[in-house]
Structures are given as structure tokens and as C-alpha cells.
Amino acid sequence: MTHVLTALSTAGSALGATLRRNRLFLSLVLIYTFAAAAVGLFMGIPFWARVPPVVLTILDILKLFLIIIGTSIIVWRFIHCLLRVKPDKPVRWLMSDLRSILRDVTHPVDGILCFMLIALMSASYAFFKDLIPVVNPFQWDTYFAALDRSLHGGADVWTLLWPLFGSPTATSLINVAYHAWFALIYLAVFAAAFDRRDPERGTVFLVSFALTWAVGGSLLATLFSSVGPVYYEAFGFGDTYAGQMERLKQLNEISPVWALELQQKLLEGYQSQSGMRGISAMPSMHVATSAVIALFGFSYSRVLGWLLTAFAGVILIGSVHLGWHYAVDGYLSIGLAALFWWVAKILTRRFGATENYPQSASLAT
């Protein structure tokens, strides 16, 4: 009985330390989540029933990442063993090395907690996104379209991009990058959650990430409710972008433009109020989060930062070229990313509690 109580006490202390270390990110996500629950209660729309499916999906992704990363670590350490260490008994050395890594359970516990919080945040975001047209019907598109033209010499921005990127090959490559954003998002979250060699770096990313989705993707998206060029005609704003969408459909007959299928599914979901139906253009979460990831990349190395900046540039171009967004959506998103990163650094230094994070277990050499 004493051993059981001791184990529970140790586990409780470890959990308490994990919650204290991640209190800033935890607080932001809980505020966001309870705001969603409160809005749902006020409007008579159930929130908590929508949480489990999203959480389970995110946790399935976490499991996949753990398998991939775990396998990669085993392969990496075995190659290191054979090429650098060259012990008499490689398998025994590898088992000892892996045990030394697994002995430090603090990092995985912190990582799993942060990933679960991301799942909760995703459920809140999806809930708020579905509510946008209910709270504030789409009405800003004509203003953003006019602002785009006034900032770009009177031309619709897609017409300026088309001579450069309007070929089937270029459009398909941009579309691939736009879809690769989903994988990059989870990879960045995984790195921030589990790589705690520099705790401040991971916390700054997670906090800025949360602010981007909560303030940008929920609050501002509701205030500036808009559907984007792809749905401009479908929502009765005119045929300004009909030519762009027709050209994309023509390219799709030559080389696949996956965005078109997803755009149609979102429109059908909105019209039937089932399945995928979250439509929102301002600000662009693709661009905003790509910019946050680029800033995160610079915290690792200048080369990685510039590579991710180039990727963010492709996403900015793709957001307009594929009809998802107005250019001003992306411009505001970049400014928001820089602002939230700056705010996250201030908050992390003040409330991040990174000084309480234990040192990583060193790898055997």
C-alpha cells in the first residue's frame, strides 16, 4: 500500500510540474475552449459533443508521428552506433542507449499534454468557424476585392499572378505545397511540443500558434466575415472572379488542381449544413500559420528560417492563385503572425516558467 501511495504521489508531483511548466499555453487554450462552450450555451448550440471526434483525430495523428519519429530515432542511433561508436556488441549498446533516452519521461509527458491541448484548441476553432455566418453574415467580400484592386494598380491580383503561375505544372505544384501545409503544421507542433532542448522556443511557438487561431481565426474572422474569391459568385457578390475559377477548372482537366474538389465540398457542406462547411477568408490561416512557422524556423537556424519563409511565400501566392483568398487576407495575416510572435515572446518570458524545466538526458556516444 505504501508503494502505491508513493507512486501516486510521485505521479501527482510530476503532473503538477508538467502543468506548471506549460501553464501559459494551458491557460490560453482553456480560455479559448471555455469561450467556445459559453457561446454554445448562450446560442443553444452544443459544443462539448463536437470535441471528441476532433480530439481523437488529432491523437491519431500524434500516434502516427510517435511511430515515425520513434522509428527514425532507432534507425539514427543504430547507424550512429555502427559508424561512430563501433562497440563490440552493437545491439546491447543500442538497447542501453535507447533506455537512457526513455529514462527521461518528462519530455514525452509535456509533449503529449501540449498535443492534447492542440486537439482541444482545434475543436474550439472548428466550432467558432461554423458559427461565423450565424453571428455575422458574410458581407466584407466586395470591400476586400476593391481594396485589392486599389493596392495593385486597379487590377485583380489573380490576373497579375496568372502570367507567372498560370501553367498546369506551376498551378499543380502550388496546389501540392498548399496541401503540404497540413503536414507542416503537425510537424511544427510536434517539434514544439516534444523538443524541449530550448523550452522558451517551443513555448513561444505554441503560444503564438494559439493566439493566431483564437484571435485571427475566430475573433477577426467573425468580425470581417468573408468567403473569398472562390465563393464570390455563389454568395451573390457578382461574377468578378468567375474567369479565374473557369481557368482553374480548365487547368484541372490537364493537371489535377485538388483545391477545386475541396472548395466544392465546403460549399456543399455549407449549403446542406453537414460535413465540412467552415468557410472563412479573412484572415488567411494558411498564410498566418506559415509565417509563424517561419519565425519558429529562425529560432533553429537561419537556413531553416529562410526555407520556411520561402514556403510561406508560396502559400501566400497560392492562397490568391487558387482562389481561396484576397491578397489583403494574406498581408494582414503576415502582420498578425509577427504581432502574435512578439506578444508570445513577452508572455513566455513573464509567465512561461521555462526555468523549471529539467535538463534533457544526454544521448550515449
Protein backbone atom coordinates (compact mmCIF):
# COMPACT_ATOMS: atom_id res chain seq x y z
CA MET A 1 0.00 0.00 0.00
CA THR A 2 2.87 2.34 0.86
CA HIS A 3 4.45 1.72 -2.55
CA VAL A 4 1.17 2.53 -4.29
CA LEU A 5 0.78 5.78 -2.35
CA THR A 6 4.37 6.70 -3.11
CA ALA A 7 3.88 6.03 -6.81
CA LEU A 8 0.68 8.10 -6.86
CA SER A 9 2.41 10.92 -5.03
CA THR A 10 5.30 10.85 -7.49
CA ALA A 11 2.93 10.80 -10.46
CA GLY A 12 0.94 13.67 -8.97
CA SER A 13 4.07 15.71 -8.44
CA ALA A 14 5.22 15.03 -11.99
CA LEU A 15 1.82 16.00 -13.40
CA GLY A 16 1.80 19.17 -11.30
CA ALA A 17 5.26 20.11 -12.58
CA THR A 18 4.13 19.50 -16.17
CA LEU A 19 1.08 21.72 -15.72
CA ARG A 20 3.19 24.47 -14.14
CA ARG A 21 5.75 24.38 -16.92
CA ASN A 22 3.04 24.65 -19.57
CA ARG A 23 0.69 26.92 -17.63
CA LEU A 24 0.76 29.76 -20.17
CA PHE A 25 -0.20 27.62 -23.16
CA LEU A 26 -2.64 25.65 -20.98
CA SER A 27 -4.34 28.85 -19.79
CA LEU A 28 -4.76 30.25 -23.29
CA VAL A 29 -6.27 27.03 -24.64
CA LEU A 30 -8.64 26.67 -21.68
CA ILE A 31 -9.81 30.29 -22.04
CA TYR A 32 -10.44 29.67 -25.74
CA THR A 33 -12.24 26.39 -25.04
CA PHE A 34 -14.49 27.75 -22.31
CA ALA A 35 -15.27 30.77 -24.50
CA ALA A 36 -16.49 28.34 -27.17
CA ALA A 37 -18.52 26.42 -24.59
CA ALA A 38 -20.05 29.65 -23.24
CA VAL A 39 -21.01 30.86 -26.71
CA GLY A 40 -22.50 27.47 -27.49
CA LEU A 41 -24.53 27.53 -24.27
CA PHE A 42 -25.75 31.07 -24.96
CA MET A 43 -26.78 30.22 -28.52
CA GLY A 44 -28.20 26.82 -27.67
CA ILE A 45 -25.64 25.02 -29.84
CA PRO A 46 -23.85 22.07 -28.18
CA PHE A 47 -20.08 22.46 -28.06
CA TRP A 48 -18.77 19.56 -25.98
CA ALA A 49 -20.39 16.97 -28.25
CA ARG A 50 -18.14 18.17 -31.07
CA VAL A 51 -14.92 17.83 -29.11
CA PRO A 52 -14.33 14.03 -29.00
CA PRO A 53 -14.16 13.46 -32.80
CA VAL A 54 -11.62 16.27 -33.27
CA VAL A 55 -9.54 15.18 -30.27
CA LEU A 56 -9.49 11.56 -31.43
CA THR A 57 -8.38 12.64 -34.91
CA ILE A 58 -5.52 14.75 -33.52
CA LEU A 59 -4.46 11.95 -31.18
CA ASP A 60 -4.40 9.52 -34.12
CA ILE A 61 -2.06 11.92 -35.86
CA LEU A 62 0.07 12.10 -32.70
CA LYS A 63 0.27 8.31 -32.63
CA LEU A 64 1.41 8.29 -36.26
CA PHE A 65 4.07 10.89 -35.54
CA LEU A 66 5.30 8.98 -32.50
CA ILE A 67 5.68 5.84 -34.60
CA ILE A 68 7.52 7.71 -37.36
CA ILE A 69 9.77 9.68 -35.01
CA GLY A 70 10.41 6.67 -32.78
CA THR A 71 11.43 4.53 -35.75
CA SER A 72 13.65 7.33 -37.05
CA ILE A 73 15.41 7.63 -33.68
CA ILE A 74 16.08 3.89 -33.54
CA VAL A 75 17.49 3.89 -37.08
CA TRP A 76 19.56 7.02 -36.42
CA ARG A 77 21.08 5.70 -33.19
CA PHE A 78 21.84 2.33 -34.77
CA ILE A 79 23.63 3.98 -37.68
CA HIS A 80 25.49 6.17 -35.17
CA CYS A 81 26.41 3.02 -33.28
CA LEU A 82 27.80 1.27 -36.35
CA LEU A 83 29.64 4.22 -37.90
CA ARG A 84 30.85 6.24 -34.91
CA VAL A 85 30.85 4.19 -31.70
CA LYS A 86 31.62 0.75 -33.19
CA PRO A 87 31.08 -1.26 -29.96
CA ASP A 88 31.77 -4.97 -29.71
CA LYS A 89 28.08 -5.65 -29.10
CA PRO A 90 26.05 -3.16 -31.18
CA VAL A 91 22.62 -4.47 -30.17
CA ARG A 92 23.42 -4.28 -26.47
CA TRP A 93 24.81 -0.75 -26.92
CA LEU A 94 21.67 0.28 -28.81
CA MET A 95 19.35 -1.09 -26.11
CA SER A 96 21.32 0.75 -23.43
CA ASP A 97 21.26 3.94 -25.48
CA LEU A 98 17.51 3.76 -26.03
CA ARG A 99 16.91 3.10 -22.33
CA SER A 100 18.86 6.25 -21.48
CA ILE A 101 16.62 8.22 -23.81
CA LEU A 102 13.39 6.69 -22.47
CA ARG A 103 14.53 7.23 -18.89
CA ASP A 104 13.76 10.93 -19.30
CA VAL A 105 9.95 10.72 -19.34
CA THR A 106 9.44 14.42 -18.66
CA HIS A 107 9.73 15.48 -22.29
CA PRO A 108 7.18 12.95 -23.64
CA VAL A 109 4.70 13.84 -20.89
CA ASP A 110 5.00 17.53 -21.68
CA GLY A 111 4.73 16.80 -25.38
CA ILE A 112 1.59 14.69 -25.05
CA LEU A 113 -0.05 17.35 -22.87
CA CYS A 114 0.71 20.07 -25.45
CA PHE A 115 -0.57 17.91 -28.30
CA MET A 116 -3.80 17.23 -26.40
CA LEU A 117 -4.20 20.95 -25.85
CA ILE A 118 -3.76 21.47 -29.61
CA ALA A 119 -6.57 18.97 -30.14
CA LEU A 120 -8.81 20.90 -27.76
CA MET A 121 -7.90 24.15 -29.47
CA SER A 122 -8.72 22.66 -32.88
CA ALA A 123 -12.18 21.67 -31.67
CA SER A 124 -12.81 25.20 -30.42
CA TYR A 125 -11.61 26.71 -33.70
CA ALA A 126 -13.83 24.42 -35.77
CA PHE A 127 -16.82 25.31 -33.58
CA PHE A 128 -16.26 29.07 -33.93
CA LYS A 129 -15.64 28.80 -37.66
CA ASP A 130 -19.01 27.13 -38.23
CA LEU A 131 -20.66 29.95 -36.29
CA ILE A 132 -19.19 32.82 -38.35
CA PRO A 133 -22.13 33.26 -40.77
CA VAL A 134 -24.60 32.79 -37.92
CA VAL A 135 -23.07 35.54 -35.79
CA ASN A 136 -22.08 37.87 -38.63
CA PRO A 137 -23.32 37.00 -42.15
CA PHE A 138 -20.71 37.22 -44.90
CA GLN A 139 -20.54 40.84 -46.05
CA TRP A 140 -16.94 42.04 -46.44
CA ASP A 141 -16.03 40.49 -49.80
CA THR A 142 -16.80 43.47 -52.00
CA TYR A 143 -14.69 45.70 -49.75
CA PHE A 144 -11.71 43.35 -49.78
CA ALA A 145 -11.96 42.89 -53.55
CA ALA A 146 -11.99 46.68 -54.02
CA LEU A 147 -9.08 47.10 -51.58
CA ASP A 148 -7.10 44.50 -53.52
CA ARG A 149 -7.60 46.45 -56.74
CA SER A 150 -6.72 49.79 -55.16
CA LEU A 151 -3.45 48.36 -53.80
CA HIS A 152 -2.47 46.70 -57.08
CA GLY A 153 -2.96 49.35 -59.74
CA GLY A 154 -6.64 48.70 -60.34
CA ALA A 155 -6.15 45.05 -61.31
CA ASP A 156 -7.49 41.91 -59.65
CA VAL A 157 -4.40 40.26 -58.16
CA TRP A 158 -5.02 36.87 -59.76
CA THR A 159 -4.63 38.47 -63.21
CA LEU A 160 -1.16 39.68 -62.21
CA LEU A 161 -0.15 36.23 -60.98
CA TRP A 162 -1.58 34.26 -63.90
CA PRO A 163 1.18 35.01 -66.46
CA LEU A 164 3.73 33.67 -63.96
CA PHE A 165 1.87 30.75 -62.39
CA GLY A 166 -1.00 30.02 -64.77
CA SER A 167 0.53 26.93 -66.38
CA PRO A 168 -0.76 23.45 -65.44
CA THR A 169 2.59 22.46 -63.93
CA ALA A 170 3.05 25.60 -61.84
CA THR A 171 -0.53 25.51 -60.59
CA SER A 172 -0.30 21.85 -59.62
CA LEU A 173 2.99 22.43 -57.77
CA ILE A 174 1.48 25.35 -55.88
CA ASN A 175 -1.51 23.17 -55.05
CA VAL A 176 0.80 20.45 -53.72
CA ALA A 177 2.53 23.00 -51.49
CA TYR A 178 -0.83 24.27 -50.28
CA HIS A 179 -1.83 20.76 -49.23
CA ALA A 180 1.63 20.09 -47.75
CA TRP A 181 0.83 22.87 -45.30
CA PHE A 182 -1.28 20.40 -43.30
CA ALA A 183 1.68 18.08 -42.73
CA LEU A 184 3.99 21.01 -41.92
CA ILE A 185 1.55 22.29 -39.29
CA TYR A 186 1.58 18.99 -37.41
CA LEU A 187 5.35 18.62 -37.78
CA ALA A 188 5.92 22.09 -36.30
CA VAL A 189 3.51 21.39 -33.44
CA PHE A 190 5.23 18.06 -32.78
CA ALA A 191 8.65 19.75 -32.70
CA ALA A 192 7.45 22.48 -30.32
CA ALA A 193 5.69 20.01 -28.05
CA PHE A 194 8.42 17.37 -27.79
CA ASP A 195 11.72 19.14 -28.50
CA ARG A 196 12.35 20.90 -25.20
CA ARG A 197 16.10 21.49 -25.54
CA ASP A 198 15.14 25.17 -25.63
CA PRO A 199 11.86 25.37 -23.67
CA GLU A 200 11.33 29.05 -24.43
CA ARG A 201 11.44 28.37 -28.17
CA GLY A 202 8.71 25.74 -28.04
CA THR A 203 6.53 27.77 -25.69
CA VAL A 204 6.78 30.91 -27.84
CA PHE A 205 5.67 28.93 -30.88
CA LEU A 206 2.76 27.24 -29.11
CA VAL A 207 1.53 30.50 -27.56
CA SER A 208 1.78 32.43 -30.84
CA PHE A 209 0.12 29.50 -32.60
CA ALA A 210 -2.78 29.59 -30.13
CA LEU A 211 -3.15 33.37 -30.45
CA THR A 212 -3.14 33.10 -34.24
CA TRP A 213 -6.02 30.63 -34.30
CA ALA A 214 -8.03 32.17 -31.47
CA VAL A 215 -7.69 35.88 -32.29
CA GLY A 216 -7.08 35.65 -36.01
CA GLY A 217 -9.04 32.57 -36.98
CA SER A 218 -12.02 33.11 -34.68
CA LEU A 219 -12.39 36.72 -33.49
CA LEU A 220 -11.15 38.61 -36.57
CA ALA A 221 -12.62 36.06 -38.96
CA THR A 222 -16.02 36.69 -37.39
CA LEU A 223 -15.66 40.47 -37.40
CA PHE A 224 -14.53 40.51 -41.06
CA SER A 225 -16.69 37.64 -42.28
CA SER A 226 -15.95 36.90 -45.91
CA VAL A 227 -16.00 33.92 -48.26
CA GLY A 228 -13.10 34.62 -50.63
CA PRO A 229 -12.92 34.82 -54.43
CA VAL A 230 -13.82 31.16 -54.96
CA TYR A 231 -17.30 31.71 -53.48
CA TYR A 232 -17.75 35.32 -54.60
CA GLU A 233 -20.38 34.46 -57.21
CA ALA A 234 -22.05 31.68 -55.22
CA PHE A 235 -22.81 34.08 -52.37
CA GLY A 236 -24.24 36.75 -54.65
CA PHE A 237 -21.39 39.26 -54.82
CA GLY A 238 -21.06 39.15 -58.61
CA ASP A 239 -19.04 37.34 -61.28
CA THR A 240 -15.77 39.22 -60.70
CA TYR A 241 -13.80 36.02 -60.17
CA ALA A 242 -15.73 33.72 -62.49
CA GLY A 243 -12.96 33.96 -65.08
CA GLN A 244 -10.35 32.86 -62.57
CA MET A 245 -12.34 29.85 -61.43
CA GLU A 246 -13.09 28.86 -65.04
CA ARG A 247 -9.38 28.91 -65.88
CA LEU A 248 -8.59 26.77 -62.85
CA LYS A 249 -11.21 24.26 -63.97
CA GLN A 250 -9.62 24.17 -67.43
CA LEU A 251 -6.20 23.53 -65.88
CA ASN A 252 -7.71 20.75 -63.78
CA GLU A 253 -8.52 18.87 -66.98
CA ILE A 254 -4.82 18.84 -67.82
CA SER A 255 -3.20 18.51 -64.39
CA PRO A 256 -5.05 17.98 -61.08
CA VAL A 257 -5.99 21.05 -59.06
CA TRP A 258 -7.07 19.44 -55.80
CA ALA A 259 -8.28 22.73 -54.34
CA LEU A 260 -11.32 22.67 -56.60
CA GLU A 261 -12.65 19.45 -55.11
CA LEU A 262 -12.16 20.70 -51.54
CA GLN A 263 -13.78 24.04 -52.40
CA GLN A 264 -16.82 22.24 -53.77
CA LYS A 265 -17.10 20.02 -50.68
CA LEU A 266 -17.02 23.06 -48.40
CA LEU A 267 -19.71 24.80 -50.42
CA GLU A 268 -21.94 21.70 -50.43
CA GLY A 269 -21.38 21.25 -46.70
CA TYR A 270 -22.34 24.88 -46.06
CA GLN A 271 -25.47 24.59 -48.18
CA SER A 272 -26.57 21.34 -46.54
CA GLN A 273 -25.27 22.26 -43.07
CA SER A 274 -23.49 18.94 -42.78
CA GLY A 275 -19.96 17.59 -43.00
CA MET A 276 -17.23 20.08 -43.92
CA ARG A 277 -18.76 23.53 -44.01
CA GLY A 278 -16.40 26.04 -42.41
CA ILE A 279 -15.95 28.91 -44.88
CA SER A 280 -13.83 31.94 -43.97
CA ALA A 281 -11.36 34.07 -45.92
CA MET A 282 -10.12 36.97 -43.78
CA PRO A 283 -7.53 36.46 -42.39
CA SER A 284 -5.81 33.56 -44.16
CA MET A 285 -4.88 30.94 -41.59
CA HIS A 286 -2.69 29.19 -44.15
CA VAL A 287 -0.58 32.32 -44.52
CA ALA A 288 -0.65 33.34 -40.85
CA THR A 289 0.44 29.94 -39.54
CA SER A 290 3.05 29.55 -42.29
CA ALA A 291 4.55 32.88 -41.20
CA VAL A 292 4.55 31.75 -37.54
CA ILE A 293 6.28 28.50 -38.57
CA ALA A 294 8.89 30.51 -40.50
CA LEU A 295 9.65 32.55 -37.36
CA PHE A 296 9.85 29.27 -35.45
CA GLY A 297 12.31 28.02 -38.07
CA PHE A 298 14.61 31.00 -37.48
CA SER A 299 14.81 30.00 -33.81
CA TYR A 300 16.53 26.81 -35.01
CA SER A 301 18.73 28.18 -37.79
CA ARG A 302 18.88 30.94 -40.35
CA VAL A 303 18.83 28.44 -43.23
CA LEU A 304 15.71 26.70 -41.95
CA GLY A 305 14.06 30.03 -41.30
CA TRP A 306 14.63 31.27 -44.87
CA LEU A 307 13.46 27.95 -46.35
CA LEU A 308 10.24 28.18 -44.36
CA THR A 309 9.91 31.85 -45.33
CA ALA A 310 10.09 30.80 -48.98
CA PHE A 311 7.40 28.21 -48.28
CA ALA A 312 5.24 30.89 -46.64
CA GLY A 313 5.71 33.00 -49.79
CA VAL A 314 4.46 30.11 -51.93
CA ILE A 315 1.44 29.75 -49.63
CA LEU A 316 0.72 33.48 -49.95
CA ILE A 317 0.81 33.23 -53.75
CA GLY A 318 -1.21 30.01 -53.73
CA SER A 319 -3.89 31.49 -51.49
CA VAL A 320 -4.65 34.05 -54.22
CA HIS A 321 -3.85 31.97 -57.29
CA LEU A 322 -6.12 29.09 -56.20
CA GLY A 323 -8.99 31.45 -55.42
CA TRP A 324 -9.10 30.91 -51.67
CA HIS A 325 -8.21 34.42 -50.57
CA TYR A 326 -7.82 38.07 -51.48
CA ALA A 327 -4.25 39.34 -51.32
CA VAL A 328 -5.14 41.59 -48.39
CA ASP A 329 -6.12 38.48 -46.40
CA GLY A 330 -2.52 37.33 -46.63
CA TYR A 331 -0.99 40.74 -45.95
CA LEU A 332 -2.96 41.11 -42.72
CA SER A 333 -2.10 37.53 -41.78
CA ILE A 334 1.63 38.19 -42.02
CA GLY A 335 1.27 41.24 -39.79
CA LEU A 336 -0.76 39.23 -37.28
CA ALA A 337 1.86 36.47 -37.22
CA ALA A 338 4.62 38.97 -36.44
CA LEU A 339 2.48 40.62 -33.75
CA PHE A 340 1.49 37.36 -32.07
CA TRP A 341 5.10 36.11 -32.13
CA TRP A 342 6.21 39.31 -30.39
CA VAL A 343 3.40 39.05 -27.82
CA ALA A 344 4.19 35.37 -27.25
CA LYS A 345 7.84 36.15 -26.50
CA ILE A 346 6.83 38.74 -23.91
CA LEU A 347 4.26 36.44 -22.30
CA THR A 348 6.65 33.47 -22.28
CA ARG A 349 9.39 35.41 -20.55
CA ARG A 350 6.91 36.67 -17.98
CA PHE A 351 4.76 33.58 -17.37
CA GLY A 352 6.36 30.68 -19.23
CA ALA A 353 8.07 29.07 -16.21
CA THR A 354 10.72 27.64 -18.54
CA GLU A 355 13.30 27.96 -15.77
CA ASN A 356 11.67 24.97 -14.07
CA TYR A 357 12.24 22.66 -16.99
CA PRO A 358 14.73 19.83 -16.24
CA GLN A 359 17.71 19.25 -18.47
CA SER A 360 17.42 16.64 -21.21
CA ALA A 361 19.01 13.27 -20.73
CA SER A 362 22.19 13.13 -22.81
CA LEU A 363 22.48 10.56 -25.55
CA ALA A 364 25.16 7.93 -25.24
CA THR A 365 28.13 8.50 -27.51
